[in-house]
Protein backbone atom coordinates (compact mmCIF):
# COMPACT_ATOMS: atom_id res chain seq x y z
CA MET A 1 35.68 21.25 7.79
CA SER A 2 33.88 23.30 10.77
CA LYS A 3 29.86 22.76 10.90
CA ASP A 4 30.36 26.36 10.34
CA SER A 5 32.40 26.75 7.58
CA LYS A 6 30.45 23.13 6.05
CA LEU A 7 27.20 25.01 6.88
CA GLU A 8 28.28 28.67 5.28
CA ASN A 9 28.68 26.33 1.88
CA SER A 10 26.05 25.01 1.62
CA THR A 11 23.07 27.12 3.31
CA LYS A 12 19.82 28.20 1.75
CA SER A 13 19.36 31.83 1.30
CA LEU A 14 17.79 33.29 4.21
CA THR A 15 16.28 36.09 2.08
CA ILE A 16 12.40 35.94 1.13
CA ASP A 17 12.12 37.11 -2.30
CA PRO A 18 8.68 38.50 -3.53
CA LYS A 19 6.72 35.14 -5.02
CA GLN A 20 7.31 33.16 -1.53
CA MET A 21 6.75 36.74 0.59
CA ARG A 22 2.98 36.60 -1.42
CA GLN A 23 2.87 33.11 -0.81
CA SER A 24 2.81 33.35 2.73
CA GLU A 25 0.85 36.07 2.68
CA ALA A 26 -1.54 33.37 1.10
CA CYS A 27 -1.97 31.39 4.05
CA GLY A 28 -4.36 33.80 5.65
CA VAL A 29 -7.47 32.43 3.42
CA LEU A 30 -6.38 28.80 3.86
CA ALA A 31 -8.94 27.92 6.52
CA SER A 32 -12.72 27.32 5.55
CA SER A 33 -13.72 28.69 9.48
CA ASP A 34 -12.50 31.91 10.87
CA LEU A 35 -11.02 30.11 13.70
CA VAL A 36 -8.92 27.21 13.80
CA ASP A 37 -7.75 25.37 17.58
CA GLY A 38 -9.07 29.28 18.54
CA PHE A 39 -6.62 31.02 16.84
CA PRO A 40 -8.45 33.69 14.43
CA ALA A 41 -6.60 32.82 10.84
CA GLY A 42 -4.21 36.09 9.98
CA ALA A 43 -3.72 37.54 13.18
CA LEU A 44 -0.62 36.23 14.18
CA LYS A 45 1.42 38.04 10.97
CA GLY A 46 2.75 40.68 12.46
CA ALA A 47 5.56 43.00 11.11
CA LEU A 48 6.93 41.81 7.18
CA PRO A 49 10.72 40.36 7.26
CA SER A 50 12.54 42.89 6.93
CA ASN A 51 16.33 42.68 5.90
CA THR A 52 17.83 46.05 6.95
CA ALA A 53 15.77 45.67 10.52
CA PRO A 54 19.11 45.76 12.74
CA LEU A 55 17.85 44.19 15.75
CA LYS A 56 17.66 41.39 13.07
CA ASP A 57 21.92 42.26 11.65
CA LYS A 58 22.92 40.37 15.73
CA TYR A 59 21.03 37.15 14.77
CA LYS A 60 22.53 36.54 11.41
CA THR A 61 21.96 32.52 11.49
CA LEU A 62 23.75 30.07 9.28
CA SER A 63 21.53 26.91 8.06
CA LYS A 64 20.44 23.90 6.20
CA ILE A 65 17.71 22.32 5.52
CA VAL A 66 18.28 18.70 4.83
CA HIS A 67 14.99 16.69 4.77
CA GLN A 68 11.55 17.56 4.77
CA GLY A 69 8.07 15.30 3.83
CA VAL A 70 5.67 13.88 5.76
CA ASP A 71 6.59 11.56 8.72
CA SER A 72 3.02 10.04 9.94
CA LEU A 73 -0.09 9.70 7.94
CA TYR A 74 -3.03 8.08 9.69
CA LEU A 75 -5.64 6.99 7.10
CA SER A 76 -9.32 6.54 8.14
CA PHE A 77 -12.17 3.58 5.56
CA GLN A 78 -15.22 4.50 5.44
CA GLY A 79 -17.35 1.21 4.33
CA SER A 80 -17.73 -2.43 4.90
CA LEU A 81 -16.13 -5.58 6.50
CA SER A 82 -17.18 -8.42 4.63
CA GLU A 83 -18.10 -11.55 5.45
CA GLN A 84 -15.35 -13.61 4.42
CA TRP A 85 -13.23 -11.98 6.71
CA SER A 86 -14.81 -11.00 9.34
CA GLN A 87 -15.27 -14.85 10.27
CA LYS A 88 -11.33 -15.03 8.83
CA LEU A 89 -10.14 -12.82 11.35
CA THR A 90 -12.36 -14.01 14.88
CA ARG A 91 -10.94 -17.41 13.96
CA LEU A 92 -7.50 -16.18 13.76
CA LYS A 93 -8.08 -13.62 16.98
CA ILE A 94 -9.47 -16.32 18.68
CA ILE A 95 -5.87 -18.96 17.43
CA ALA A 96 -3.29 -15.49 18.47
CA GLN A 97 -4.91 -16.25 22.14
CA ASP A 98 -4.52 -20.25 22.34
CA SER A 99 -2.62 -21.28 24.91
CA ASP A 100 -0.65 -23.08 22.56
CA PRO A 101 2.81 -21.51 21.09
CA SER A 102 2.63 -23.63 17.91
CA VAL A 103 -1.14 -22.89 17.61
CA GLN A 104 -0.60 -19.29 18.81
CA ALA A 105 2.29 -19.09 15.17
CA THR A 106 -0.47 -19.61 13.02
CA ALA A 107 -2.02 -16.19 13.12
CA GLN A 108 -0.81 -14.78 10.36
CA ALA A 109 -3.86 -13.10 7.62
CA GLN A 110 -1.79 -12.83 4.07
CA ILE A 111 -3.10 -9.67 1.81
CA GLY A 112 -0.99 -9.32 -1.29
CA ASN A 113 3.00 -9.97 -0.19
CA HIS A 114 1.93 -8.97 2.83
CA CYS A 115 2.07 -11.67 5.71
CA PHE A 116 0.18 -9.82 8.44
CA GLU A 117 0.81 -10.77 12.15
CA VAL A 118 -3.12 -10.76 13.50
CA SER A 119 -2.65 -10.09 16.82
CA SER A 120 -4.75 -11.73 20.69
CA ARG A 121 -6.67 -8.70 21.27
CA GLY A 122 -8.91 -5.27 19.19
CA ARG A 123 -7.80 -1.78 20.30
CA GLY A 124 -10.28 0.72 22.05
CA LYS A 125 -13.67 -0.42 20.04
CA TYR A 126 -11.95 -2.23 16.67
CA LEU A 127 -12.29 -5.88 17.22
CA TYR A 128 -8.95 -6.66 15.07
CA VAL A 129 -5.33 -5.69 14.40
CA LEU A 130 -2.99 -6.41 11.92
CA LYS A 131 0.63 -5.53 12.10
CA ASP A 132 3.96 -5.38 9.68
CA ASN A 133 6.39 -3.11 8.93
CA TRP A 134 4.30 -1.19 6.44
CA PHE A 135 0.71 -0.11 8.04
CA HIS A 136 -0.70 -1.16 11.89
CA ILE A 137 -4.54 -1.43 10.24
CA GLN A 138 -6.78 -1.34 13.28
CA ILE A 139 -10.36 -3.22 11.40
CA ALA A 140 -14.10 -2.65 13.05
CA GLY A 141 -16.75 -5.42 12.95
CA GLU A 142 -19.20 -6.54 9.86
CA ASP A 143 -21.57 -4.76 11.67
CA SER A 144 -20.10 -1.66 13.18
CA LYS A 145 -21.36 1.07 11.56
CA ALA A 146 -20.02 3.81 13.91
CA LEU A 147 -16.48 3.09 13.48
CA PRO A 148 -14.42 3.81 10.16
CA VAL A 149 -14.22 0.10 9.10
CA ALA A 150 -10.14 0.27 8.79
CA TYR A 151 -8.40 2.83 10.98
CA VAL A 152 -4.71 3.25 9.55
CA GLN A 153 -0.72 4.23 10.73
CA ILE A 154 1.23 3.99 7.91
CA SER A 155 5.27 3.55 9.01
CA SER A 156 7.67 6.82 8.95
CA GLU A 157 10.48 4.99 7.19
CA LEU A 158 7.66 3.64 4.71
CA LEU A 159 6.85 7.19 4.17
CA THR A 160 10.17 8.51 3.92
CA PHE A 161 11.85 6.37 1.25
CA HIS A 162 8.48 5.96 -0.51
CA PRO A 163 6.16 7.98 -2.97
CA LEU A 164 3.27 9.23 -1.04
CA SER A 165 1.34 7.92 -4.20
CA GLU A 166 2.47 4.91 -3.84
CA VAL A 167 1.65 4.25 -0.54
CA ILE A 168 -1.79 5.54 -0.76
CA ASN A 169 -2.31 3.17 -3.54
CA SER A 170 -0.82 -0.04 -1.15
CA ILE A 171 -2.55 0.18 1.49
CA ARG A 172 -5.94 0.99 -0.90
CA PHE A 173 -5.68 -2.48 -2.18
CA ILE A 174 -5.26 -4.04 1.38
CA VAL A 175 -8.22 -2.43 2.62
CA SER A 176 -10.28 -3.18 -0.46
CA THR A 177 -9.62 -7.20 0.08
CA LEU A 178 -10.66 -7.26 3.61
CA THR A 179 -14.10 -5.10 2.16
CA THR A 180 -16.90 -5.85 0.66
CA SER A 181 -16.36 -2.10 -0.81
CA VAL A 182 -15.22 1.14 0.84
CA ASP A 183 -16.86 4.35 -0.24
CA SER A 184 -14.50 7.08 1.23
CA VAL A 185 -11.32 7.62 2.29
CA SER A 186 -9.75 10.59 4.50
CA VAL A 187 -7.06 12.04 6.93
CA SER A 188 -7.34 11.79 10.27
CA ARG A 189 -4.21 12.68 11.23
CA LEU A 190 -0.70 14.18 9.19
CA ASP A 191 2.97 15.26 10.93
CA ILE A 192 4.78 17.21 7.96
CA CYS A 193 7.88 17.78 9.62
CA VAL A 194 11.40 20.04 8.23
CA ASP A 195 15.12 18.86 9.36
CA PHE A 196 17.43 21.00 10.07
CA MET A 197 20.99 22.13 10.82
CA THR A 198 22.05 25.54 12.57
CA ASP A 199 24.60 27.56 14.14
CA VAL A 200 21.26 28.92 16.36
CA ARG A 201 21.60 27.91 20.00
CA VAL A 202 17.84 26.01 19.86
CA SER A 203 18.73 25.43 24.19
CA LYS A 204 18.19 28.60 24.33
CA PHE A 205 15.12 30.00 23.03
CA THR A 206 12.49 30.89 25.51
CA GLU A 207 8.24 30.60 25.93
CA ASN A 208 8.97 34.14 25.60
CA ASP A 209 10.77 34.23 22.02
CA TRP A 210 6.88 32.08 20.60
CA VAL A 211 4.30 34.11 19.88
CA THR A 212 1.01 31.89 19.18
CA ARG A 213 -2.06 31.45 20.54
CA ALA A 214 -1.17 27.57 21.56
CA LYS A 215 -1.77 27.55 25.45
CA SER A 216 0.54 24.42 26.22
CA PHE A 217 4.19 24.82 26.04
CA SER A 218 5.84 21.91 27.51
CA ARG A 219 10.68 22.45 27.49
CA TYR A 220 11.63 19.09 27.12
CA SER A 221 15.50 17.54 28.41
CA GLU A 222 17.11 15.19 29.77
CA SER A 223 19.95 14.44 31.74
CA GLY A 224 20.60 17.92 32.11
CA ASN A 225 20.22 17.76 28.07
CA PHE A 226 17.98 19.84 26.51
CA THR A 227 15.99 18.09 24.10
CA GLY A 228 12.78 20.22 22.69
CA TRP A 229 9.73 22.04 22.60
CA SER A 230 6.30 21.06 22.08
CA ILE A 231 3.17 23.50 21.96
CA GLY A 232 0.05 22.95 21.89
CA ARG A 233 -2.27 19.38 22.31
CA GLY A 234 -5.55 18.57 20.72
CA GLN A 235 -6.15 19.46 16.70
CA LEU A 236 -2.62 21.17 15.98
CA MET A 237 0.76 20.67 17.92
CA ALA A 238 4.54 21.75 17.16
CA ARG A 239 7.48 20.28 18.44
CA LEU A 240 11.25 21.12 17.99
CA TYR A 241 13.06 18.77 19.19
CA ASP A 242 16.84 17.21 18.69
CA LYS A 243 16.03 15.03 15.60
CA THR A 244 19.68 13.25 16.32
CA ALA A 245 18.92 11.87 20.01
CA GLU A 246 15.77 11.18 19.07
CA CYS A 247 16.49 8.59 16.27
CA ILE A 248 19.24 6.74 18.07
CA LYS A 249 16.63 6.76 21.23
CA SER A 250 13.69 5.20 18.32
CA ASN A 251 16.20 3.52 16.12
CA LYS A 252 15.20 5.53 13.12
CA GLN A 253 18.99 5.31 12.09
CA PHE A 254 17.53 4.60 8.59
CA PHE A 255 17.15 8.73 8.66
CA TYR A 256 21.00 8.97 8.72
CA ASP A 257 20.83 7.92 4.75
CA VAL A 258 18.55 10.55 3.85
CA TRP A 259 20.46 13.14 5.57
CA SER A 260 24.20 12.23 4.55
CA PRO A 261 23.44 13.23 0.82
CA ASN A 262 22.61 17.21 1.72
CA GLY A 263 25.76 17.81 4.32
CA TRP A 264 25.11 15.92 7.29
CA GLU A 265 28.21 14.45 8.66
CA TYR A 266 27.91 11.69 11.40
CA ARG A 267 28.79 14.18 14.77
CA ASP A 268 25.88 17.08 13.39
CA GLN A 269 23.26 17.99 14.89
CA VAL A 270 19.59 17.81 13.02
CA TRP A 271 17.11 19.59 14.85
CA ARG A 272 12.83 19.13 13.36
CA LEU A 273 10.81 20.79 13.60
CA GLU A 274 6.79 19.74 13.03
CA PHE A 275 3.74 20.05 12.75
CA GLN A 276 1.10 17.05 13.95
CA PHE A 277 -2.67 17.92 12.71
CA LYS A 278 -5.70 16.05 13.33
CA ARG A 279 -8.99 15.35 12.12
CA GLU A 280 -11.03 18.62 13.38
CA THR A 281 -8.27 21.41 11.41
CA LEU A 282 -7.94 19.44 8.89
CA ASN A 283 -11.10 19.70 7.62
CA GLN A 284 -10.86 23.25 8.67
CA LEU A 285 -8.03 23.59 6.02
CA ASN A 286 -9.50 21.98 3.25
CA SER A 287 -6.91 18.98 3.19
CA ILE A 288 -9.23 15.95 4.40
CA ASN A 289 -9.22 14.39 1.29
CA VAL A 290 -6.74 12.01 0.80
CA ASP A 291 -6.29 12.38 -3.33
CA GLU A 292 -5.25 15.83 -2.39
CA LEU A 293 -2.88 15.65 0.45
CA GLU A 294 0.34 16.32 -1.88
CA GLU A 295 -0.94 19.50 -2.90
CA ARG A 296 -1.99 20.78 0.28
CA LEU A 297 1.43 20.07 2.28
CA SER A 298 2.91 23.27 1.22
CA SER A 299 -0.58 25.47 2.00
CA LEU A 300 -0.32 23.59 5.78
CA TRP A 301 2.71 23.84 6.02
CA CYS A 302 3.22 28.16 5.81
CA TYR A 303 -0.34 28.28 7.71
CA GLY A 304 1.58 26.21 10.23
CA THR A 305 4.45 28.55 10.63
CA THR A 306 3.09 31.60 9.57
CA GLN A 307 -0.61 31.62 10.74
CA TRP A 308 -0.50 29.33 13.80
CA LEU A 309 3.17 29.79 15.15
CA ARG A 310 6.11 32.22 15.15
CA LEU A 311 9.30 32.18 16.42
CA THR A 312 10.69 35.61 17.01
CA LEU A 313 13.20 38.14 17.86
CA PRO A 314 11.46 40.14 21.75
CA ASN A 315 11.67 43.90 21.44
CA SER A 316 11.20 45.16 24.30
CA ASN A 317 10.01 48.64 23.51
CA ASP A 318 7.61 47.07 21.08
CA THR A 319 4.56 45.85 24.03
CA ALA A 320 2.66 44.68 21.00
CA ARG A 321 4.18 41.02 20.31
CA THR A 322 2.67 40.61 16.83
CA ARG A 323 4.95 43.30 15.72
CA TRP A 324 8.20 41.37 16.59
CA ASP A 325 10.59 40.60 13.93
CA THR A 326 10.33 37.24 13.07
CA HIS A 327 13.41 35.31 13.93
CA PRO A 328 15.94 34.42 11.51
CA LEU A 329 16.06 30.43 11.58
CA TRP A 330 12.81 30.96 11.59
CA GLU A 331 12.06 32.84 8.18
CA MET A 332 14.17 30.22 6.32
CA LEU A 333 12.16 27.34 7.77
CA THR A 334 8.84 29.41 6.73
CA THR A 335 10.41 29.53 3.12
CA THR A 336 10.60 26.01 2.43
CA SER A 337 9.30 24.78 -0.68
CA TRP A 338 6.70 21.83 -0.65
CA GLN A 339 5.71 21.98 -4.16
CA THR A 340 8.30 19.18 -5.23
CA LEU A 341 9.05 17.62 -2.92
CA PRO A 342 13.14 16.03 -3.18
CA ASN A 343 14.19 14.12 -4.68
CA ARG A 344 16.49 11.25 -2.80
CA ASP A 345 17.39 7.32 -3.93
CA LEU A 346 14.13 5.65 -3.16
CA ARG A 347 15.53 1.83 -1.20
CA ARG A 348 13.59 -0.58 -0.78
CA VAL A 349 11.10 -0.22 2.72
CA ILE A 350 10.99 -4.19 3.69
CA LYS A 351 7.51 -5.25 5.09
CA GLU A 352 9.20 -7.74 7.59
CA ARG A 353 9.89 -6.25 11.09
CA ILE A 354 13.55 -7.64 12.43
CA PRO A 355 15.95 -6.48 14.41
CA THR A 356 18.50 -4.83 13.88
CA ASP A 357 22.05 -5.80 14.11
CA ASP A 358 22.75 -4.17 16.82
CA TYR A 359 20.11 -6.50 18.27
CA PHE A 360 21.54 -10.09 17.46
CA PHE A 361 25.17 -9.38 17.89
CA THR A 362 25.52 -6.52 20.58
CA SER A 363 22.37 -7.35 22.84
CA GLY A 364 22.03 -10.85 21.92
CA PHE A 365 25.29 -11.62 22.08
CA GLY A 366 25.65 -11.38 26.04
CA VAL A 367 24.74 -15.46 26.72
CA PHE A 368 28.15 -16.27 25.64
CA PRO A 369 29.96 -14.28 27.87
CA ALA A 370 28.45 -15.67 30.12
CA TYR A 371 28.45 -19.33 29.18
CA MET A 372 31.88 -18.81 29.02
CA ALA A 373 33.07 -17.50 32.34
CA ARG A 374 30.78 -19.84 34.09
CA GLU A 375 32.06 -23.24 31.94
CA ASN A 376 35.56 -21.90 32.14
CA ILE A 377 35.64 -22.08 28.53
CA HIS A 378 37.97 -19.51 26.66
CA SER A 379 37.26 -20.31 23.21
CA ILE A 380 33.74 -18.80 21.15
CA ASP A 381 33.95 -21.16 19.53
CA ASP A 382 34.31 -23.79 21.76
CA ALA A 383 31.97 -22.13 24.14
CA VAL A 384 29.59 -22.05 20.46
CA ARG A 385 29.92 -25.99 20.60
CA ASP A 386 29.74 -26.49 24.00
CA TYR A 387 26.59 -24.29 24.32
CA LEU A 388 24.50 -26.11 21.80
CA HIS A 389 25.04 -30.05 23.28
CA ASN A 390 24.52 -28.70 26.24
CA ALA A 391 21.46 -26.77 25.08
CA ARG A 392 20.29 -30.23 23.49
CA LEU A 393 20.71 -32.03 26.15
CA HIS A 394 18.99 -29.90 28.39
CA HIS A 395 15.74 -30.13 26.14
CA ASP A 396 15.71 -34.04 25.98
CA ARG A 397 16.14 -34.23 29.33
CA ASN A 398 13.18 -31.92 30.01
CA SER A 399 10.64 -33.09 26.75
CA ARG A 400 8.73 -35.53 29.46
CA ARG A 401 8.06 -32.31 31.08
CA THR A 402 7.78 -29.24 28.37
CA GLY A 403 6.24 -32.09 25.96
CA LEU A 404 9.30 -31.31 23.40
CA LEU A 405 12.74 -32.20 22.40
CA PHE A 406 15.40 -29.31 21.52
CA HIS A 407 14.58 -29.41 17.54
CA GLU A 408 10.41 -29.31 18.33
CA TYR A 409 11.77 -26.43 20.92
CA VAL A 410 13.82 -24.84 18.49
CA LYS A 411 10.84 -25.26 15.53
CA GLN A 412 9.07 -23.60 17.74
CA LYS A 413 10.19 -20.92 18.93
CA VAL A 414 11.88 -20.16 15.50
CA ALA A 415 7.54 -19.99 14.50
CA LEU A 416 6.71 -17.51 16.88
CA LYS A 417 9.28 -15.05 15.89
CA ALA A 418 8.63 -15.89 12.09
CA ARG A 419 5.26 -14.01 13.04
CA LYS A 420 6.03 -11.04 14.95
CA TYR A 421 8.38 -10.21 12.26
CA ASN A 422 6.44 -11.08 9.44
CA THR A 423 8.75 -13.17 8.05
CA ILE A 424 7.34 -16.49 7.00
CA LYS A 425 3.58 -17.78 6.83
CA ASN A 426 3.79 -20.61 9.19
CA GLU A 427 1.67 -23.44 8.46
CA MET A 428 -0.10 -25.85 10.98
CA THR A 429 0.81 -29.06 12.69
CA GLU A 430 -0.28 -32.13 12.86
CA LEU A 431 -0.98 -31.53 16.70
CA ALA A 432 -2.60 -28.06 15.60
CA LYS A 433 -5.00 -29.38 12.62
CA GLU A 434 -6.12 -31.73 15.29
CA ASP A 435 -7.17 -29.29 17.37
CA ASN A 436 -8.42 -27.17 14.75
CA GLU A 437 -11.53 -28.18 15.39
CA ARG A 438 -12.34 -26.80 18.83
CA ILE A 439 -10.87 -23.46 17.59
CA GLU A 440 -13.60 -23.33 14.61
CA GLY A 441 -16.40 -23.89 17.26
CA GLY A 442 -15.13 -21.10 19.64
CA ALA A 443 -14.41 -19.12 16.27
CA LYS A 444 -18.74 -19.26 16.15
CA ASN A 445 -19.31 -19.14 19.52
CA TYR A 446 -17.27 -15.60 19.73
CA LYS A 447 -19.73 -13.96 17.25
CA ARG A 448 -22.89 -15.24 18.64
CA GLY A 449 -21.41 -13.65 22.11
CA ARG A 450 -20.42 -10.57 20.13
CA ASP A 451 -23.62 -10.45 18.30
CA GLY A 452 -25.76 -10.60 21.26
CA GLU A 453 -27.42 -14.43 20.22
């Protein structure tokens, strides 16, 4: 089936019914302030969409939405880090900085069924960082008053496949474990998106086609191919970009499983329209409360697509840009329903940060052809056996210098990767346990130095 016929058979109607029109017009009362990102509420509504406008008839399009949802979510937790976890995280941070890899490998924090890697460094003003495939958690010190006790980034994959309420409950449990109390939780950043296929040549849009109060426009390309737009900066931004290309670049092929049930096939191009809202704008739009987030998505999308940004059909006979007709593609995107997020087959998103098969069996396989060429070996089975035999000899010969026999070297490397991948909770070796007194002393000195004693 051709791309056009497939879209025609499954396309969402571009006709806006009266109910949807009222919903779009209602966006003008969202803001608690008259200005958002320097933009007067309601100023960019422009002419009402018309199915009979001659100019728009020339731009009829076949388009289909294949996904919508929350792509990025950053939460701030107000509260206080418990003394017990303050001491524990300080100790684990020092362990992560140790020169002995066997000691470094034990810099892990087990919270519920999460085995977090504890970073050797903090980030910005946050003293501690915990990481796995679900959450990236920055934690303030026990005595920090100016910062949230925890600043959390939630993974895109988790937000795609798990209900938002369950995700929020999971991170609440983790932060509650670390703290004496959680006073409040607020949204610091929210990215909402719609992925779509279209016969519109998105690469042909120009800056003149957009009606917005944003001052910043950036057009991107790679190897001569258009990849997308970025509009605005700071507290409110929009991005329109080639999501299929970005999935390959960022290793997010899990979106294929989301798009396929909605008519996507492997060679189809998917575009994404995404709005990024930060704390100040969310606060002005009464959307900072995490417990009300799901019910605010529709209003936020409506605000972004009807009042802050609009794709138009430029009319050289009309100098008032706000009266230009809305592009039919934009009409479809504007009227996306967020009342109930699409049901999809939920799948387990692993907490471990495990590399892909491609990493192991393509990128990581390169050592064997090189070894076979060097040793003039033609059988891969013979090469693997010979390689392991010589690897053992090599490490055992060098054990006086390294202090590690082959099996000890392998065990150490596995422990380090297990920490990085969040797969195994490592136990300290006997040698590391003997060094524990030095680590404990270092933790106490670190805390005294930090507290200015």
